[in-house]
Each structure stands twice: as structure tokens, then as C-alpha cells.
Amino acid sequence: MLDSFIPVELAVAPNPLGLPFNLKLTTIPIDARTCFELWMPDAHKALLPEEAMLLRGDRARLEEICAKLTDLLGASLSHDELPHYQVTVDRWQGVRSALYDAGADFDAIGVTYVPQSLYPSPTSKGGLTAWTLQEARWDVSFLNLQPLPLGFRAQTLPFKVTIAFGQSITKFVQTAPVLARRA
């Protein structure tokens, strides 16, 4: 019987022999009882060859997790420098095909969990306040490992995949004064 969406053998990140100096072990939640781990590089530090190998070697496991999430919830692929570039997919293979078509090759994957948030939205209507509820999501980034004289640098590609259930909603709320009654 399967009792977790992400099986334990997928959820646990590989454990290197020594503690990586330039990588941080991050835990990404799926729900209240399920999470997975991954190593994330420090954006401003060079990686040792062993750390780059660890990231490359973990790519298949992370792709399998992203595939499970994408197959369940769907995803959208966007490009940082092309605001109108948006590809919606319902399978991870669609993400891989879009990246291949764009000529984007990557060595490693980064995942960031963004929790649900509620925030006021600017409005031009007087007296009404608009509030936006943004669903929880997972942002997937793709990394190229660029060789340096003494190691590697993780370069983030301009493509990002967002895996989320539904889209943000914005509603106007008429605020009314609250009156206290005395008994």
C-alpha cells in the first residue's frame, strides 16, 4: 500500500561522505505530512567538483518528484526575459519538450516552496479594497554548472516552472465598521 505521495526513497536527498561547504540541505513541503529534501547551491560561492557531481547526480531523483507533482497538478513554464512566453503543460514530459525546443540544457534542478499568501492589491475604486489570495506553489529552476579554474558556478537558466493548483484570485471587500454592543 502506498501511504505517501513521495515515497521515502525519493524524499531523502543523497548524503555525501563529507559535509558540503557550498550547498545547503533544504526541506520542501508537499503537504502537512510529506516533504522532500534537496541540496541547493549558494548563489555567490563556487562549488567544489564533488558538490557539482552531487547536484548532477541528484537531477534524476528531483525530476521524478517534479514529474509526480506536474502530472497531478499541471505546471506552467515561463521565461524571465520574455514576459509573454508562457507554456502550460499537464505532464513533466511537456516541460522537457519545451526546454528542448528552446535549446535549454541543464545540469541540476532547484525547487523553492512558496506558501499560500493573502495580500492587498492596488485598486482605483474608492472605498473598496481588493485582496489577492495566491495559492501555494513550487517554483522549479534549472541550473547549468559552469566550469571555473577551481570548481564550478551554478548559473540559473532564465526558464522557471511553476507547479500549483489553481491560480490567484482577487476579490473586492467592502469594509464595514464594527460596532460593539453592550449587554
N, C-alpha and C. Protein backbone atom coordinates (compact mmCIF):
# COMPACT_ATOMS: atom_id res chain seq x y z
N MET A 1 0.84 -1.18 0.00
CA MET A 1 0.00 0.00 0.00
C MET A 1 0.89 1.25 0.00
N LEU A 2 0.53 2.20 -0.83
CA LEU A 2 1.27 3.46 -0.91
C LEU A 2 0.66 4.44 0.09
N ASP A 3 1.46 4.89 1.06
CA ASP A 3 0.92 5.79 2.07
C ASP A 3 1.52 7.18 2.02
N SER A 4 2.31 7.49 0.98
CA SER A 4 2.88 8.82 0.82
C SER A 4 2.99 9.13 -0.67
N PHE A 5 2.64 10.36 -1.03
CA PHE A 5 2.72 10.77 -2.43
C PHE A 5 4.15 10.71 -2.95
N ILE A 6 5.09 11.09 -2.10
CA ILE A 6 6.51 11.00 -2.43
C ILE A 6 7.09 9.88 -1.57
N PRO A 7 7.44 8.73 -2.17
CA PRO A 7 8.00 7.63 -1.38
C PRO A 7 9.30 8.04 -0.69
N VAL A 8 9.59 7.40 0.42
CA VAL A 8 10.77 7.73 1.22
C VAL A 8 12.05 7.67 0.40
N GLU A 9 12.18 6.69 -0.48
CA GLU A 9 13.41 6.57 -1.26
C GLU A 9 13.60 7.76 -2.21
N LEU A 10 12.53 8.46 -2.56
CA LEU A 10 12.64 9.68 -3.36
C LEU A 10 12.79 10.92 -2.49
N ALA A 11 12.21 10.88 -1.31
CA ALA A 11 12.15 12.07 -0.45
C ALA A 11 13.49 12.46 0.15
N VAL A 12 14.37 11.49 0.36
CA VAL A 12 15.62 11.76 1.05
C VAL A 12 16.73 12.07 0.04
N ALA A 13 17.40 13.20 0.24
CA ALA A 13 18.50 13.61 -0.64
C ALA A 13 19.70 12.71 -0.40
N PRO A 14 20.53 12.53 -1.43
CA PRO A 14 21.75 11.74 -1.23
C PRO A 14 22.63 12.39 -0.15
N ASN A 15 23.27 11.54 0.62
CA ASN A 15 24.10 12.02 1.73
C ASN A 15 25.57 11.85 1.35
N PRO A 16 26.28 12.95 1.10
CA PRO A 16 27.69 12.84 0.72
C PRO A 16 28.53 12.41 1.92
N LEU A 17 29.74 11.92 1.63
CA LEU A 17 30.64 11.48 2.70
C LEU A 17 31.02 12.62 3.63
N GLY A 18 31.32 13.78 3.08
CA GLY A 18 31.65 14.94 3.91
C GLY A 18 30.54 15.96 3.82
N LEU A 19 30.55 16.91 4.70
CA LEU A 19 29.53 17.96 4.68
C LEU A 19 29.88 18.99 3.61
N PRO A 20 29.00 19.20 2.63
CA PRO A 20 29.29 20.19 1.58
C PRO A 20 29.34 21.61 2.16
N PHE A 21 30.35 22.37 1.77
CA PHE A 21 30.52 23.73 2.26
C PHE A 21 29.62 24.73 1.54
N ASN A 22 29.39 24.50 0.26
CA ASN A 22 28.70 25.49 -0.58
C ASN A 22 27.30 25.06 -0.99
N LEU A 23 26.79 24.03 -0.34
CA LEU A 23 25.43 23.55 -0.59
C LEU A 23 24.67 23.56 0.72
N LYS A 24 23.37 23.82 0.60
CA LYS A 24 22.51 23.82 1.79
C LYS A 24 21.43 22.76 1.60
N LEU A 25 21.26 21.89 2.58
CA LEU A 25 20.21 20.88 2.54
C LEU A 25 18.89 21.57 2.88
N THR A 26 17.94 21.52 1.95
CA THR A 26 16.67 22.21 2.09
C THR A 26 15.53 21.19 2.11
N THR A 27 14.55 21.42 2.95
CA THR A 27 13.37 20.55 3.01
C THR A 27 12.20 21.30 2.37
N ILE A 28 11.56 20.66 1.41
CA ILE A 28 10.45 21.25 0.67
C ILE A 28 9.16 20.52 1.05
N PRO A 29 8.17 21.22 1.61
CA PRO A 29 6.92 20.55 1.98
C PRO A 29 6.04 20.27 0.77
N ILE A 30 5.33 19.16 0.85
CA ILE A 30 4.31 18.82 -0.14
C ILE A 30 2.94 19.04 0.50
N ASP A 31 2.77 18.50 1.70
CA ASP A 31 1.56 18.72 2.49
C ASP A 31 1.97 18.66 3.96
N ALA A 32 1.00 18.51 4.86
CA ALA A 32 1.30 18.55 6.29
C ALA A 32 2.16 17.37 6.75
N ARG A 33 2.14 16.25 6.01
CA ARG A 33 2.89 15.07 6.43
C ARG A 33 3.96 14.62 5.45
N THR A 34 4.10 15.30 4.33
CA THR A 34 5.02 14.86 3.28
C THR A 34 5.95 15.99 2.88
N CYS A 35 7.22 15.64 2.70
CA CYS A 35 8.20 16.61 2.24
C CYS A 35 9.31 15.87 1.50
N PHE A 36 10.20 16.62 0.88
CA PHE A 36 11.39 16.02 0.28
C PHE A 36 12.57 16.96 0.48
N GLU A 37 13.75 16.41 0.35
CA GLU A 37 14.97 17.17 0.56
C GLU A 37 15.70 17.38 -0.76
N LEU A 38 16.45 18.47 -0.81
CA LEU A 38 17.36 18.68 -1.93
C LEU A 38 18.49 19.59 -1.49
N TRP A 39 19.60 19.47 -2.19
CA TRP A 39 20.75 20.33 -1.96
C TRP A 39 20.62 21.54 -2.86
N MET A 40 20.78 22.73 -2.28
CA MET A 40 20.71 23.97 -3.04
C MET A 40 22.07 24.67 -2.95
N PRO A 41 22.60 25.13 -4.11
CA PRO A 41 23.89 25.82 -4.08
C PRO A 41 23.74 27.26 -3.58
N ASP A 42 24.80 27.74 -2.95
CA ASP A 42 24.88 29.15 -2.57
C ASP A 42 25.13 29.94 -3.85
N ALA A 43 24.30 30.92 -4.11
CA ALA A 43 24.36 31.67 -5.38
C ALA A 43 25.67 32.43 -5.56
N HIS A 44 26.37 32.74 -4.48
CA HIS A 44 27.55 33.59 -4.59
C HIS A 44 28.87 32.85 -4.38
N LYS A 45 28.82 31.54 -4.24
CA LYS A 45 30.04 30.79 -3.98
C LYS A 45 30.29 29.78 -5.10
N ALA A 46 31.56 29.51 -5.32
CA ALA A 46 31.95 28.48 -6.28
C ALA A 46 31.72 27.11 -5.62
N LEU A 47 31.37 26.14 -6.46
CA LEU A 47 31.16 24.78 -5.97
C LEU A 47 32.41 23.95 -6.17
N LEU A 48 32.69 23.09 -5.22
CA LEU A 48 33.76 22.12 -5.39
C LEU A 48 33.31 21.08 -6.43
N PRO A 49 34.24 20.42 -7.11
CA PRO A 49 33.84 19.39 -8.08
C PRO A 49 32.92 18.32 -7.49
N GLU A 50 33.16 17.92 -6.23
CA GLU A 50 32.31 16.91 -5.58
C GLU A 50 30.88 17.43 -5.38
N GLU A 51 30.76 18.72 -5.09
CA GLU A 51 29.43 19.32 -4.90
C GLU A 51 28.68 19.39 -6.23
N ALA A 52 29.39 19.75 -7.30
CA ALA A 52 28.77 19.77 -8.63
C ALA A 52 28.32 18.37 -9.03
N MET A 53 29.16 17.36 -8.72
CA MET A 53 28.79 15.98 -9.02
C MET A 53 27.54 15.56 -8.24
N LEU A 54 27.44 15.99 -6.99
CA LEU A 54 26.28 15.69 -6.15
C LEU A 54 25.01 16.28 -6.77
N LEU A 55 25.07 17.53 -7.22
CA LEU A 55 23.91 18.17 -7.85
C LEU A 55 23.52 17.46 -9.15
N ARG A 56 24.51 17.15 -9.99
CA ARG A 56 24.24 16.43 -11.25
C ARG A 56 23.63 15.06 -10.99
N GLY A 57 24.19 14.37 -10.01
CA GLY A 57 23.71 13.02 -9.70
C GLY A 57 22.31 12.99 -9.12
N ASP A 58 21.87 14.09 -8.53
CA ASP A 58 20.55 14.14 -7.90
C ASP A 58 19.46 14.62 -8.85
N ARG A 59 19.84 15.00 -10.05
CA ARG A 59 18.87 15.55 -11.01
C ARG A 59 17.74 14.57 -11.33
N ALA A 60 18.05 13.31 -11.58
CA ALA A 60 17.01 12.33 -11.96
C ALA A 60 15.98 12.16 -10.85
N ARG A 61 16.43 12.11 -9.59
CA ARG A 61 15.50 11.97 -8.46
C ARG A 61 14.57 13.18 -8.37
N LEU A 62 15.14 14.37 -8.51
CA LEU A 62 14.33 15.58 -8.43
C LEU A 62 13.39 15.71 -9.61
N GLU A 63 13.82 15.28 -10.79
CA GLU A 63 12.91 15.28 -11.94
C GLU A 63 11.74 14.33 -11.71
N GLU A 64 11.99 13.20 -11.06
CA GLU A 64 10.91 12.26 -10.78
C GLU A 64 9.88 12.87 -9.82
N ILE A 65 10.37 13.60 -8.82
CA ILE A 65 9.46 14.28 -7.89
C ILE A 65 8.67 15.37 -8.63
N CYS A 66 9.36 16.17 -9.44
CA CYS A 66 8.68 17.23 -10.21
C CYS A 66 7.67 16.62 -11.18
N ALA A 67 7.99 15.48 -11.74
CA ALA A 67 7.06 14.79 -12.66
C ALA A 67 5.80 14.37 -11.92
N LYS A 68 5.96 13.84 -10.71
CA LYS A 68 4.78 13.43 -9.94
C LYS A 68 3.89 14.64 -9.64
N LEU A 69 4.50 15.77 -9.23
CA LEU A 69 3.73 16.97 -8.93
C LEU A 69 3.07 17.53 -10.19
N THR A 70 3.81 17.58 -11.29
CA THR A 70 3.27 18.13 -12.54
C THR A 70 2.15 17.25 -13.08
N ASP A 71 2.32 15.94 -13.02
CA ASP A 71 1.29 15.03 -13.51
C ASP A 71 0.01 15.15 -12.68
N LEU A 72 0.14 15.51 -11.41
CA LEU A 72 -1.03 15.68 -10.54
C LEU A 72 -1.68 17.04 -10.72
N LEU A 73 -0.87 18.12 -10.76
CA LEU A 73 -1.40 19.49 -10.71
C LEU A 73 -1.27 20.29 -12.00
N GLY A 74 -0.41 19.85 -12.91
CA GLY A 74 -0.11 20.67 -14.08
C GLY A 74 0.93 21.70 -13.71
N ALA A 75 1.45 22.39 -14.72
CA ALA A 75 2.51 23.37 -14.48
C ALA A 75 2.52 24.39 -15.61
N SER A 76 3.22 25.49 -15.37
CA SER A 76 3.44 26.47 -16.42
C SER A 76 4.92 26.79 -16.47
N LEU A 77 5.42 26.91 -17.68
CA LEU A 77 6.82 27.23 -17.93
C LEU A 77 6.88 28.67 -18.40
N SER A 78 7.74 29.47 -17.77
CA SER A 78 7.89 30.87 -18.17
C SER A 78 9.37 31.18 -18.37
N HIS A 79 9.61 32.34 -18.97
CA HIS A 79 10.97 32.78 -19.27
C HIS A 79 11.15 34.16 -18.66
N ASP A 80 12.21 34.37 -17.88
CA ASP A 80 12.44 35.63 -17.18
C ASP A 80 12.56 36.83 -18.11
N GLU A 81 13.14 36.62 -19.29
CA GLU A 81 13.42 37.73 -20.20
C GLU A 81 12.36 37.91 -21.29
N LEU A 82 11.41 36.98 -21.37
CA LEU A 82 10.34 37.06 -22.37
C LEU A 82 9.00 37.01 -21.64
N PRO A 83 8.43 38.16 -21.26
CA PRO A 83 7.24 38.18 -20.42
C PRO A 83 6.02 37.49 -21.03
N HIS A 84 5.95 37.40 -22.35
CA HIS A 84 4.79 36.78 -22.98
C HIS A 84 4.98 35.29 -23.23
N TYR A 85 6.15 34.76 -22.88
CA TYR A 85 6.41 33.34 -23.05
C TYR A 85 5.80 32.58 -21.88
N GLN A 86 4.78 31.79 -22.16
CA GLN A 86 4.11 31.00 -21.13
C GLN A 86 3.62 29.72 -21.78
N VAL A 87 4.09 28.58 -21.30
CA VAL A 87 3.67 27.28 -21.81
C VAL A 87 3.02 26.53 -20.66
N THR A 88 1.78 26.09 -20.86
CA THR A 88 1.07 25.32 -19.85
C THR A 88 1.15 23.85 -20.23
N VAL A 89 1.53 23.02 -19.26
CA VAL A 89 1.68 21.59 -19.51
C VAL A 89 0.95 20.80 -18.43
N ASP A 90 0.58 19.57 -18.75
CA ASP A 90 -0.04 18.72 -17.74
C ASP A 90 0.81 17.49 -17.43
N ARG A 91 1.98 17.38 -18.09
CA ARG A 91 2.91 16.28 -17.85
C ARG A 91 4.33 16.86 -17.82
N TRP A 92 5.22 16.27 -17.03
CA TRP A 92 6.60 16.74 -16.96
C TRP A 92 7.29 16.61 -18.31
N GLN A 93 6.90 15.62 -19.09
CA GLN A 93 7.49 15.46 -20.42
C GLN A 93 7.24 16.71 -21.28
N GLY A 94 6.13 17.39 -21.06
CA GLY A 94 5.85 18.64 -21.76
C GLY A 94 6.85 19.73 -21.38
N VAL A 95 7.27 19.76 -20.14
CA VAL A 95 8.30 20.70 -19.69
C VAL A 95 9.61 20.38 -20.40
N ARG A 96 9.98 19.10 -20.39
CA ARG A 96 11.24 18.69 -21.04
C ARG A 96 11.22 19.01 -22.53
N SER A 97 10.08 18.78 -23.19
CA SER A 97 9.97 19.08 -24.63
C SER A 97 10.11 20.57 -24.90
N ALA A 98 9.46 21.41 -24.08
CA ALA A 98 9.54 22.87 -24.26
C ALA A 98 10.97 23.36 -24.04
N LEU A 99 11.65 22.82 -23.04
CA LEU A 99 13.04 23.20 -22.80
C LEU A 99 13.93 22.77 -23.96
N TYR A 100 13.70 21.56 -24.45
CA TYR A 100 14.48 21.06 -25.59
C TYR A 100 14.26 21.94 -26.82
N ASP A 101 13.00 22.27 -27.09
CA ASP A 101 12.67 23.13 -28.24
C ASP A 101 13.33 24.51 -28.12
N ALA A 102 13.48 25.00 -26.89
CA ALA A 102 14.10 26.31 -26.66
C ALA A 102 15.63 26.22 -26.62
N GLY A 103 16.17 25.02 -26.73
CA GLY A 103 17.62 24.85 -26.69
C GLY A 103 18.21 24.99 -25.30
N ALA A 104 17.39 24.79 -24.28
CA ALA A 104 17.85 24.94 -22.90
C ALA A 104 18.25 23.58 -22.34
N ASP A 105 19.51 23.45 -22.00
CA ASP A 105 20.03 22.23 -21.40
C ASP A 105 20.45 22.58 -19.97
N PHE A 106 20.24 21.66 -19.04
CA PHE A 106 20.55 21.95 -17.65
C PHE A 106 21.22 20.75 -16.99
N ASP A 107 21.97 21.05 -15.92
CA ASP A 107 22.70 20.02 -15.19
C ASP A 107 22.02 19.64 -13.88
N ALA A 108 21.29 20.57 -13.30
CA ALA A 108 20.71 20.36 -11.97
C ALA A 108 19.40 21.12 -11.85
N ILE A 109 18.67 20.80 -10.78
CA ILE A 109 17.36 21.41 -10.54
C ILE A 109 17.34 22.01 -9.14
N GLY A 110 16.71 23.18 -9.01
CA GLY A 110 16.43 23.78 -7.72
C GLY A 110 14.93 23.90 -7.55
N VAL A 111 14.43 23.70 -6.35
CA VAL A 111 12.99 23.82 -6.09
C VAL A 111 12.81 24.72 -4.87
N THR A 112 11.88 25.66 -4.99
CA THR A 112 11.54 26.55 -3.89
C THR A 112 10.05 26.43 -3.63
N TYR A 113 9.68 26.28 -2.37
CA TYR A 113 8.27 26.24 -1.99
C TYR A 113 7.84 27.64 -1.61
N VAL A 114 6.74 28.10 -2.19
CA VAL A 114 6.18 29.41 -1.86
C VAL A 114 4.81 29.16 -1.23
N PRO A 115 4.66 29.44 0.07
CA PRO A 115 3.37 29.15 0.73
C PRO A 115 2.25 30.06 0.25
N GLN A 116 1.03 29.64 0.54
CA GLN A 116 -0.14 30.46 0.22
C GLN A 116 0.01 31.82 0.89
N SER A 117 -0.43 32.87 0.19
CA SER A 117 -0.34 34.21 0.78
C SER A 117 -1.60 35.01 0.44
N LEU A 118 -1.91 35.95 1.31
CA LEU A 118 -3.04 36.84 1.14
C LEU A 118 -2.51 38.26 1.31
N TYR A 119 -2.73 39.10 0.29
CA TYR A 119 -2.17 40.45 0.34
C TYR A 119 -3.11 41.43 -0.35
N PRO A 120 -3.07 42.72 0.08
CA PRO A 120 -3.91 43.74 -0.56
C PRO A 120 -3.38 44.06 -1.95
N SER A 121 -4.31 44.32 -2.84
CA SER A 121 -3.95 44.67 -4.21
C SER A 121 -4.35 46.12 -4.47
N PRO A 122 -3.52 46.85 -5.20
CA PRO A 122 -3.87 48.25 -5.51
C PRO A 122 -5.16 48.31 -6.32
N THR A 123 -5.98 49.29 -6.01
CA THR A 123 -7.24 49.45 -6.73
C THR A 123 -7.53 50.93 -6.94
N SER A 124 -8.26 51.21 -8.00
CA SER A 124 -8.62 52.61 -8.28
C SER A 124 -10.05 52.91 -7.81
N LYS A 125 -10.75 51.89 -7.31
CA LYS A 125 -12.12 52.09 -6.85
C LYS A 125 -12.11 52.59 -5.41
N GLY A 126 -12.72 53.72 -5.16
CA GLY A 126 -12.73 54.29 -3.83
C GLY A 126 -13.59 53.48 -2.87
N GLY A 127 -13.11 53.29 -1.65
CA GLY A 127 -13.88 52.61 -0.61
C GLY A 127 -13.79 51.10 -0.64
N LEU A 128 -13.46 50.53 -1.75
CA LEU A 128 -13.34 49.08 -1.82
C LEU A 128 -11.86 48.69 -1.77
N THR A 129 -11.59 47.62 -1.06
CA THR A 129 -10.23 47.11 -1.00
C THR A 129 -10.20 45.77 -1.71
N ALA A 130 -9.24 45.59 -2.57
CA ALA A 130 -9.08 44.31 -3.25
C ALA A 130 -8.03 43.48 -2.52
N TRP A 131 -8.32 42.20 -2.35
CA TRP A 131 -7.39 41.27 -1.73
C TRP A 131 -7.13 40.13 -2.69
N THR A 132 -5.87 39.71 -2.75
CA THR A 132 -5.49 38.62 -3.64
C THR A 132 -5.02 37.44 -2.79
N LEU A 133 -5.56 36.27 -3.10
CA LEU A 133 -5.14 35.03 -2.48
C LEU A 133 -4.31 34.28 -3.51
N GLN A 134 -3.05 34.09 -3.19
CA GLN A 134 -2.17 33.36 -4.09
C GLN A 134 -1.96 31.97 -3.52
N GLU A 135 -2.25 30.96 -4.33
CA GLU A 135 -2.14 29.57 -3.91
C GLU A 135 -0.68 29.20 -3.64
N ALA A 136 -0.49 28.21 -2.79
CA ALA A 136 0.85 27.68 -2.57
C ALA A 136 1.35 27.09 -3.88
N ARG A 137 2.68 27.15 -4.06
CA ARG A 137 3.24 26.64 -5.31
C ARG A 137 4.68 26.20 -5.10
N TRP A 138 5.19 25.48 -6.08
CA TRP A 138 6.58 25.08 -6.13
C TRP A 138 7.18 25.72 -7.38
N ASP A 139 8.25 26.48 -7.21
CA ASP A 139 8.97 27.09 -8.33
C ASP A 139 10.21 26.24 -8.60
N VAL A 140 10.31 25.76 -9.82
CA VAL A 140 11.43 24.90 -10.22
C VAL A 140 12.36 25.72 -11.10
N SER A 141 13.64 25.76 -10.72
CA SER A 141 14.64 26.45 -11.52
C SER A 141 15.61 25.42 -12.09
N PHE A 142 16.23 25.79 -13.18
CA PHE A 142 17.15 24.90 -13.88
C PHE A 142 18.54 25.51 -13.84
N LEU A 143 19.53 24.70 -13.49
CA LEU A 143 20.88 25.19 -13.27
C LEU A 143 21.87 24.57 -14.26
N ASN A 144 22.72 25.41 -14.80
CA ASN A 144 23.89 24.96 -15.55
C ASN A 144 25.09 25.09 -14.64
N LEU A 145 25.96 24.13 -14.65
CA LEU A 145 27.16 24.18 -13.84
C LEU A 145 28.32 24.58 -14.74
N GLN A 146 28.73 25.84 -14.60
CA GLN A 146 29.79 26.42 -15.43
C GLN A 146 31.15 26.14 -14.80
N PRO A 147 32.08 25.57 -15.58
CA PRO A 147 33.41 25.30 -15.01
C PRO A 147 34.18 26.58 -14.71
N LEU A 148 34.89 26.55 -13.59
CA LEU A 148 35.80 27.62 -13.16
C LEU A 148 37.18 26.99 -13.00
N PRO A 149 38.22 27.79 -12.84
CA PRO A 149 39.55 27.20 -12.65
C PRO A 149 39.62 26.23 -11.46
N LEU A 150 38.89 26.51 -10.38
CA LEU A 150 38.95 25.65 -9.20
C LEU A 150 37.59 25.09 -8.79
N GLY A 151 36.71 24.83 -9.72
CA GLY A 151 35.41 24.28 -9.37
C GLY A 151 34.36 24.62 -10.40
N PHE A 152 33.15 24.95 -9.91
CA PHE A 152 32.01 25.24 -10.78
C PHE A 152 31.19 26.37 -10.18
N ARG A 153 30.45 27.04 -11.03
CA ARG A 153 29.49 28.05 -10.60
C ARG A 153 28.11 27.61 -11.12
N ALA A 154 27.11 27.65 -10.25
CA ALA A 154 25.75 27.31 -10.65
C ALA A 154 25.11 28.53 -11.28
N GLN A 155 24.80 28.43 -12.56
CA GLN A 155 24.17 29.52 -13.32
C GLN A 155 22.71 29.15 -13.54
N THR A 156 21.80 29.99 -13.07
CA THR A 156 20.37 29.72 -13.23
C THR A 156 19.92 30.10 -14.63
N LEU A 157 19.25 29.18 -15.31
CA LEU A 157 18.69 29.47 -16.63
C LEU A 157 17.51 30.42 -16.48
N PRO A 158 17.16 31.16 -17.53
CA PRO A 158 16.04 32.11 -17.42
C PRO A 158 14.66 31.44 -17.43
N PHE A 159 14.61 30.12 -17.52
CA PHE A 159 13.33 29.40 -17.51
C PHE A 159 12.95 29.02 -16.09
N LYS A 160 11.64 29.07 -15.81
CA LYS A 160 11.14 28.67 -14.50
C LYS A 160 9.83 27.91 -14.70
N VAL A 161 9.66 26.85 -13.94
CA VAL A 161 8.41 26.10 -13.95
C VAL A 161 7.69 26.38 -12.64
N THR A 162 6.41 26.69 -12.73
CA THR A 162 5.58 26.89 -11.55
C THR A 162 4.56 25.77 -11.52
N ILE A 163 4.59 25.02 -10.42
CA ILE A 163 3.63 23.94 -10.22
C ILE A 163 2.68 24.39 -9.12
N ALA A 164 1.40 24.49 -9.45
CA ALA A 164 0.43 24.98 -8.47
C ALA A 164 -0.95 24.45 -8.82
N PHE A 165 -1.80 24.41 -7.80
CA PHE A 165 -3.18 24.03 -8.00
C PHE A 165 -4.00 25.30 -8.10
N GLY A 166 -4.51 25.59 -9.29
CA GLY A 166 -5.31 26.79 -9.47
C GLY A 166 -4.47 28.03 -9.65
N GLN A 167 -5.16 29.15 -9.74
CA GLN A 167 -4.50 30.43 -9.95
C GLN A 167 -4.90 31.38 -8.83
N SER A 168 -4.20 32.49 -8.77
CA SER A 168 -4.52 33.51 -7.78
C SER A 168 -5.92 34.07 -8.06
N ILE A 169 -6.59 34.45 -6.98
CA ILE A 169 -7.89 35.11 -7.14
C ILE A 169 -7.84 36.45 -6.41
N THR A 170 -8.51 37.44 -6.99
CA THR A 170 -8.60 38.77 -6.38
C THR A 170 -10.07 39.11 -6.22
N LYS A 171 -10.43 39.56 -5.02
CA LYS A 171 -11.82 39.94 -4.74
C LYS A 171 -11.83 41.29 -4.03
N PHE A 172 -12.88 42.05 -4.30
CA PHE A 172 -13.08 43.32 -3.61
C PHE A 172 -13.89 43.07 -2.35
N VAL A 173 -13.46 43.70 -1.26
CA VAL A 173 -14.12 43.53 0.03
C VAL A 173 -14.58 44.89 0.51
N GLN A 174 -15.86 45.02 0.77
CA GLN A 174 -16.41 46.26 1.33
C GLN A 174 -16.21 46.20 2.83
N THR A 175 -15.40 47.09 3.35
CA THR A 175 -15.17 47.10 4.78
C THR A 175 -16.27 47.88 5.47
N ALA A 176 -16.80 47.29 6.52
CA ALA A 176 -17.85 47.93 7.28
C ALA A 176 -17.35 48.13 8.71
N PRO A 177 -17.76 49.24 9.33
CA PRO A 177 -17.31 49.45 10.72
C PRO A 177 -17.90 48.38 11.65
N VAL A 178 -17.15 48.02 12.62
CA VAL A 178 -17.59 47.03 13.61
C VAL A 178 -18.07 47.81 14.83
N LEU A 179 -19.31 47.56 15.22
CA LEU A 179 -19.88 48.24 16.38
C LEU A 179 -19.91 47.30 17.56
N ALA A 180 -19.50 47.78 18.70
CA ALA A 180 -19.52 46.96 19.91
C ALA A 180 -20.85 47.17 20.61
N ARG A 181 -21.47 46.11 21.01
CA ARG A 181 -22.72 46.19 21.77
C ARG A 181 -22.47 45.89 23.23
N ARG A 182 -23.15 46.59 24.04
CA ARG A 182 -23.04 46.31 25.48
C ARG A 182 -24.28 45.58 25.92
N ALA A 183 -24.06 44.61 26.73
CA ALA A 183 -25.18 43.80 27.19
C ALA A 183 -25.82 44.38 28.43
